[in-house]
Protein backbone atom coordinates (compact mmCIF):
# COMPACT_ATOMS: atom_id res chain seq x y z
CA UNK A 1 91.81 107.09 45.56
CA UNK A 2 91.98 109.13 48.79
CA UNK A 3 94.33 109.86 51.84
CA UNK A 4 92.36 110.38 55.09
CA UNK A 5 94.61 112.03 57.73
CA UNK A 6 93.49 111.43 61.34
CA UNK A 7 94.88 114.08 64.15
CA UNK A 8 94.29 114.62 67.70
CA UNK A 9 95.59 114.67 71.23
CA UNK A 10 97.36 111.60 72.41
CA UNK A 11 95.01 108.91 73.50
CA UNK A 12 91.91 110.71 72.16
CA UNK A 13 90.42 107.63 70.11
CA UNK A 14 91.99 108.17 67.09
CA UNK A 15 92.88 104.55 66.50
CA UNK A 16 89.03 103.53 67.48
CA UNK A 17 87.87 106.07 64.98
CA UNK A 18 90.27 104.63 62.24
CA UNK A 19 88.68 101.31 62.86
CA UNK A 20 85.13 102.60 62.56
CA UNK A 21 86.05 104.26 59.14
CA UNK A 22 87.51 101.03 57.71
CA UNK A 23 84.93 98.87 58.87
CA UNK A 24 82.24 101.54 57.44
CA UNK A 25 84.21 101.80 54.21
CA UNK A 26 84.82 97.82 53.54
CA UNK A 27 80.96 97.43 54.23
CA UNK A 28 80.08 99.98 51.74
CA UNK A 29 82.47 98.33 49.03
CA UNK A 30 81.09 95.10 49.89
CA UNK A 31 77.40 96.27 49.25
CA UNK A 32 76.00 94.38 46.11
CA UNK A 33 74.48 97.98 45.03
CA UNK A 34 78.35 99.53 45.15
CA UNK A 35 79.13 100.28 41.24
CA UNK A 36 82.46 101.99 41.66
CA UNK A 37 85.99 100.77 41.51
CA UNK A 38 87.32 98.00 43.32
CA UNK A 39 89.11 99.55 46.40
CA UNK A 40 90.85 98.38 49.49
CA UNK A 41 90.88 100.16 52.64
CA UNK A 42 94.54 100.44 54.23
CA UNK A 43 95.34 101.81 57.78
CA UNK A 44 98.88 103.01 58.46
CA UNK A 45 99.64 103.83 62.19
CA UNK A 46 102.67 104.01 64.25
CA UNK A 47 102.45 100.14 64.96
CA UNK A 48 102.85 99.25 61.10
CA UNK A 49 105.56 101.70 60.73
CA UNK A 50 107.44 100.82 63.57
CA UNK A 51 107.00 103.69 65.76
CA UNK A 52 107.08 103.13 69.59
CA UNK A 53 105.58 105.70 72.19
CA UNK A 54 109.09 106.32 73.34
CA UNK A 55 110.18 108.13 69.99
CA UNK A 56 108.39 111.02 71.14
CA UNK A 57 110.49 111.40 73.98
CA UNK A 58 112.99 113.57 72.09
CA UNK A 59 112.94 115.57 68.98
CA UNK A 60 115.45 113.38 66.94
CA UNK A 61 113.89 110.20 67.43
CA UNK A 62 110.64 111.65 66.72
CA UNK A 63 111.68 113.02 63.44
CA UNK A 64 113.00 109.41 62.38
CA UNK A 65 109.61 108.23 63.40
CA UNK A 66 107.44 110.52 61.41
CA UNK A 67 109.75 109.81 58.45
CA UNK A 68 108.94 106.15 58.91
CA UNK A 69 105.47 106.73 58.90
CA UNK A 70 105.62 109.13 55.92
CA UNK A 71 107.33 106.43 53.97
CA UNK A 72 104.65 103.83 54.98
CA UNK A 73 102.06 106.46 53.80
CA UNK A 74 103.42 107.09 50.70
CA UNK A 75 103.86 103.60 49.86
CA UNK A 76 100.35 102.76 50.48
CA UNK A 77 98.87 105.84 48.24
CA UNK A 78 97.51 104.79 44.95
CA UNK A 79 94.17 104.90 42.82
CA UNK A 80 93.17 101.50 44.16
CA UNK A 81 93.22 102.36 47.59
CA UNK A 82 91.74 104.54 50.77
CA UNK A 83 94.67 105.12 53.05
CA UNK A 84 93.73 106.08 56.64
CA UNK A 85 96.76 107.82 58.37
CA UNK A 86 96.31 107.28 61.95
CA UNK A 87 98.78 108.87 64.15
CA UNK A 88 99.11 111.95 66.34
CA UNK A 89 99.82 114.13 62.84
CA UNK A 90 99.65 117.01 65.68
CA UNK A 91 102.44 119.10 63.47
CA UNK A 92 100.96 121.21 60.48
CA UNK A 93 103.99 120.75 58.44
CA UNK A 94 103.71 117.19 58.62
CA UNK A 95 100.27 117.21 57.86
CA UNK A 96 101.12 119.32 54.55
CA UNK A 97 103.86 117.33 53.93
CA UNK A 98 101.34 114.18 53.36
CA UNK A 99 98.92 116.48 51.54
CA UNK A 100 101.57 117.37 48.89
CA UNK A 101 102.30 113.70 48.56
CA UNK A 102 98.69 112.87 48.26
CA UNK A 103 98.38 115.60 45.36
CA UNK A 104 101.59 114.32 43.54
CA UNK A 105 99.95 110.94 43.58
CA UNK A 106 96.78 112.65 42.26
CA UNK A 107 94.39 111.34 44.80
CA UNK A 108 91.79 113.14 47.15
CA UNK A 109 92.67 113.99 50.72
CA UNK A 110 90.36 114.44 53.79
CA UNK A 111 91.43 115.52 57.46
CA UNK A 112 89.51 114.15 60.50
CA UNK A 113 90.11 116.03 63.87
CA UNK A 114 89.08 113.71 66.88
CA UNK A 115 88.09 116.66 69.53
CA UNK A 116 88.68 115.23 72.96
CA UNK A 117 89.04 117.40 76.13
CA UNK A 118 92.51 117.05 77.50
CA UNK A 119 91.11 115.83 80.90
CA UNK A 120 89.53 112.89 79.05
CA UNK A 121 92.59 112.12 77.13
CA UNK A 122 94.55 112.09 80.37
CA UNK A 123 92.04 109.86 82.04
CA UNK A 124 92.26 107.30 79.01
CA UNK A 125 95.93 107.47 79.00
CA UNK A 126 96.12 106.29 82.92
CA UNK A 127 94.08 103.36 81.79
CA UNK A 128 96.67 102.31 79.33
CA UNK A 129 99.14 99.78 79.81
CA UNK A 130 102.72 100.79 80.38
CA UNK A 131 103.90 99.54 77.24
CA UNK A 132 101.08 101.31 75.49
CA UNK A 133 101.37 104.68 77.36
CA UNK A 134 103.86 107.75 77.07
CA UNK A 135 105.87 109.46 79.94
CA UNK A 136 103.91 111.78 81.70
CA UNK A 137 106.14 114.51 80.70
CA UNK A 138 105.94 113.38 77.17
CA UNK A 139 102.12 113.43 77.13
CA UNK A 140 102.05 116.82 78.64
CA UNK A 141 104.24 118.09 76.03
CA UNK A 142 102.28 116.61 73.04
CA UNK A 143 99.20 118.53 74.52
CA UNK A 144 101.01 121.47 74.84
CA UNK A 145 102.63 121.22 71.24
CA UNK A 146 99.58 120.34 69.55
CA UNK A 147 98.70 122.18 66.32
CA UNK A 148 94.97 122.16 65.65
CA UNK A 149 93.94 121.77 62.20
CA UNK A 150 91.74 124.52 60.32
CA UNK A 151 89.61 124.44 57.65
CA UNK A 152 90.90 127.98 56.43
CA UNK A 153 94.20 126.11 55.19
CA UNK A 154 94.09 123.83 52.04
CA UNK A 155 96.20 120.96 53.41
CA UNK A 156 93.51 120.58 56.32
CA UNK A 157 90.53 120.88 53.86
CA UNK A 158 88.07 119.07 53.80
CA UNK A 159 88.13 118.92 57.57
CA UNK A 160 85.76 117.04 59.67
CA UNK A 161 85.75 117.75 63.52
CA UNK A 162 84.07 114.64 65.41
CA UNK A 163 83.74 114.99 68.96
CA UNK A 164 84.44 112.08 71.04
CA UNK A 165 80.79 111.33 72.12
CA UNK A 166 79.15 111.75 68.55
CA UNK A 167 79.10 109.55 65.51
CA UNK A 168 81.21 110.15 62.42
CA UNK A 169 79.41 111.76 59.51
CA UNK A 170 80.07 108.54 57.41
CA UNK A 171 78.09 109.62 54.28
CA UNK A 172 80.00 113.06 54.09
CA UNK A 173 83.32 111.58 54.48
CA UNK A 174 82.61 108.94 51.81
CA UNK A 175 81.24 111.53 49.34
CA UNK A 176 84.37 113.54 49.87
CA UNK A 177 86.79 110.89 49.39
CA UNK A 178 84.95 109.30 46.18
CA UNK A 179 83.46 112.17 44.60
CA UNK A 180 85.51 115.24 45.96
CA UNK A 181 87.89 117.34 43.74
CA UNK A 182 91.34 116.15 42.90
CA UNK A 183 93.74 118.86 43.01
CA UNK A 184 96.68 118.91 40.91
CA UNK A 185 100.36 118.42 42.21
CA UNK A 186 101.71 121.66 43.53
CA UNK A 187 104.58 123.30 41.78
CA UNK A 188 107.12 122.24 44.56
CA UNK A 189 106.58 118.68 43.68
CA UNK A 190 106.35 118.59 40.07
CA UNK A 191 109.24 117.26 38.49
CA UNK A 192 110.50 119.61 35.61
CA UNK A 193 110.90 117.84 32.12
CA UNK A 194 114.33 118.55 31.09
CA UNK A 195 115.15 119.10 27.39
CA UNK A 196 117.36 116.58 25.45
CA UNK A 197 121.16 117.03 25.50
CA UNK A 198 122.77 119.32 23.03
CA UNK A 199 119.84 121.51 22.71
CA UNK A 200 122.12 124.57 23.07
CA UNK A 201 124.27 123.48 20.47
CA UNK A 202 121.25 122.54 18.01
CA UNK A 203 119.77 126.03 18.80
CA UNK A 204 122.94 128.09 17.95
CA UNK A 205 123.90 125.88 14.84
CA UNK A 206 120.40 126.23 13.37
CA UNK A 207 120.01 130.09 13.94
CA UNK A 208 123.41 130.35 12.39
CA UNK A 209 122.69 128.42 9.56
CA UNK A 210 119.62 130.29 8.46
CA UNK A 211 121.14 133.63 8.90
CA UNK A 212 124.31 132.55 6.77
CA UNK A 213 121.80 131.12 4.02
CA UNK A 214 119.64 133.98 4.22
CA UNK A 215 122.49 136.66 3.94
CA UNK A 216 123.87 134.64 0.87
CA UNK A 217 120.53 134.85 -0.85
CA UNK A 218 119.96 138.23 -0.49
CA UNK A 219 123.51 139.10 -1.70
CA UNK A 220 123.51 136.73 -4.65
CA UNK A 221 119.91 137.72 -5.82
CA UNK A 222 119.87 140.28 -8.38
CA UNK A 223 116.57 141.88 -7.18
CA UNK A 224 115.13 142.41 -3.79
CA UNK A 225 112.84 139.50 -2.82
CA UNK A 226 110.02 139.43 -0.21
CA UNK A 227 110.24 135.50 0.80
CA UNK A 228 113.13 133.01 1.53
CA UNK A 229 112.49 129.11 1.79
CA UNK A 230 114.58 127.71 4.65
CA UNK A 231 117.07 124.91 3.23
CA UNK A 232 117.33 121.37 4.46
CA UNK A 233 118.72 121.18 7.08
CA UNK A 234 117.33 122.77 9.42
CA UNK A 235 113.87 122.66 7.37
CA UNK A 236 113.02 118.80 6.86
CA UNK A 237 111.55 117.36 3.69
CA UNK A 238 109.90 114.58 5.63
CA UNK A 239 106.80 116.82 6.79
CA UNK A 240 104.61 118.99 4.82
CA UNK A 241 104.97 121.48 7.36
CA UNK A 242 108.55 121.54 7.44
CA UNK A 243 109.09 121.54 3.84
CA UNK A 244 106.97 124.49 3.06
CA UNK A 245 108.79 126.70 5.72
CA UNK A 246 109.09 130.17 4.28
CA UNK A 247 110.38 133.31 5.86
CA UNK A 248 108.60 136.33 4.82
CA UNK A 249 111.22 139.05 4.73
CA UNK A 250 110.76 143.04 5.62
CA UNK A 251 110.43 145.67 2.75
CA UNK A 252 113.98 147.05 4.07
CA UNK A 253 117.05 145.16 3.06
CA UNK A 254 118.29 142.86 5.81
CA UNK A 255 121.43 143.23 7.24
CA UNK A 256 124.18 141.08 8.96
CA UNK A 257 124.33 143.39 12.35
CA UNK A 258 120.59 143.23 12.20
CA UNK A 259 120.30 139.50 11.99
CA UNK A 260 123.10 139.13 14.68
CA UNK A 261 121.05 141.15 17.09
CA UNK A 262 117.80 139.21 16.53
CA UNK A 263 119.60 135.84 16.95
CA UNK A 264 121.10 137.00 20.29
CA UNK A 265 117.57 137.79 21.27
CA UNK A 266 116.10 134.71 20.28
CA UNK A 267 118.58 132.53 21.61
CA UNK A 268 118.35 134.47 25.11
CA UNK A 269 114.69 133.81 25.19
CA UNK A 270 114.98 130.24 24.35
CA UNK A 271 117.90 129.51 26.77
CA UNK A 272 115.85 131.13 29.62
CA UNK A 273 112.84 128.83 28.74
CA UNK A 274 115.12 125.61 28.81
CA UNK A 275 116.60 126.93 32.19
CA UNK A 276 113.32 126.86 33.74
CA UNK A 277 111.84 124.04 32.05
CA UNK A 278 108.80 125.51 30.34
CA UNK A 279 109.64 124.00 27.04
CA UNK A 280 108.55 120.44 26.85
CA UNK A 281 111.43 117.83 25.88
CA UNK A 282 111.52 116.90 22.38
CA UNK A 283 110.50 120.44 20.87
CA UNK A 284 114.36 121.15 20.20
CA UNK A 285 115.13 119.55 17.09
CA UNK A 286 116.61 121.50 14.14
CA UNK A 287 113.16 122.09 12.49
CA UNK A 288 111.52 123.10 15.86
CA UNK A 289 114.03 125.53 16.26
CA UNK A 290 114.01 126.65 12.65
CA UNK A 291 110.00 126.96 12.93
CA UNK A 292 110.38 129.16 16.30
CA UNK A 293 112.96 131.13 14.70
CA UNK A 294 111.36 132.32 11.53
CA UNK A 295 108.14 132.96 13.42
CA UNK A 296 110.08 134.90 15.97
CA UNK A 297 111.66 137.02 12.89
CA UNK A 298 108.49 137.68 11.07
CA UNK A 299 106.76 138.81 14.44
CA UNK A 300 109.63 141.23 15.32
CA UNK A 301 109.74 142.65 11.87
CA UNK A 302 105.95 143.18 11.90
CA UNK A 303 105.92 145.28 14.87
CA UNK A 304 108.79 147.52 13.52
């Protein structure tokens, strides 16, 4: 349904905001006037992902911690859940990674920046117990390295900036995650549908059979003809479209060198299409290739 990414300085009250959002959303879902789909609100944070404050002391352990957090988020994503990612999320590249995962899951996204002055964060950090606090050097480093979200970039949008002394715009956030635009998955994460095996062999055999049959027909015909019915195979008699597959010949006499050249040209285009995945799986049967080859020949002859 939606992914809400909460970001901010360490000890800026992100967990408090996450709890407030969860409480507000669950109250809306329990309201008798609510007529939308049944949803659950899930908070994924460092604690639920087994990420301690000490992982931020060095880059290697931090990468492992982010991986655990990302795994927890992707597992929770779905059409029946509102996922709130409550963590530092201070690196824009990591926010982009979660944004891509959300788009791949075809759910809405939203970013909430908990804006708190560093001095206030330091004050709240000093009030934490030892096991819930960072080393001072780590805390200062996280403040310095923080990459603030921007509404100008797509992975941070829609963006809500919440000052620490103001209430969250719950209505606006709710409308975004329930009625906002669902963007399609980015090309980088879309799996290319591969054509079935032996497609190149089918392509070559089908075009060769058509050319051989066509030239045999031309050489055996007493007079020049203007049409040629594609034999079966490759044209199938099981469908009306394939059974009526007819090649309309040009006014000039077709020769073997010309057909070999057109065959190579057609196969080159189809091979590139297969390599790029632009042709859907299931369109590489003998009759599909025959139809495509006939259309290619007729289009080529019409332009010459």
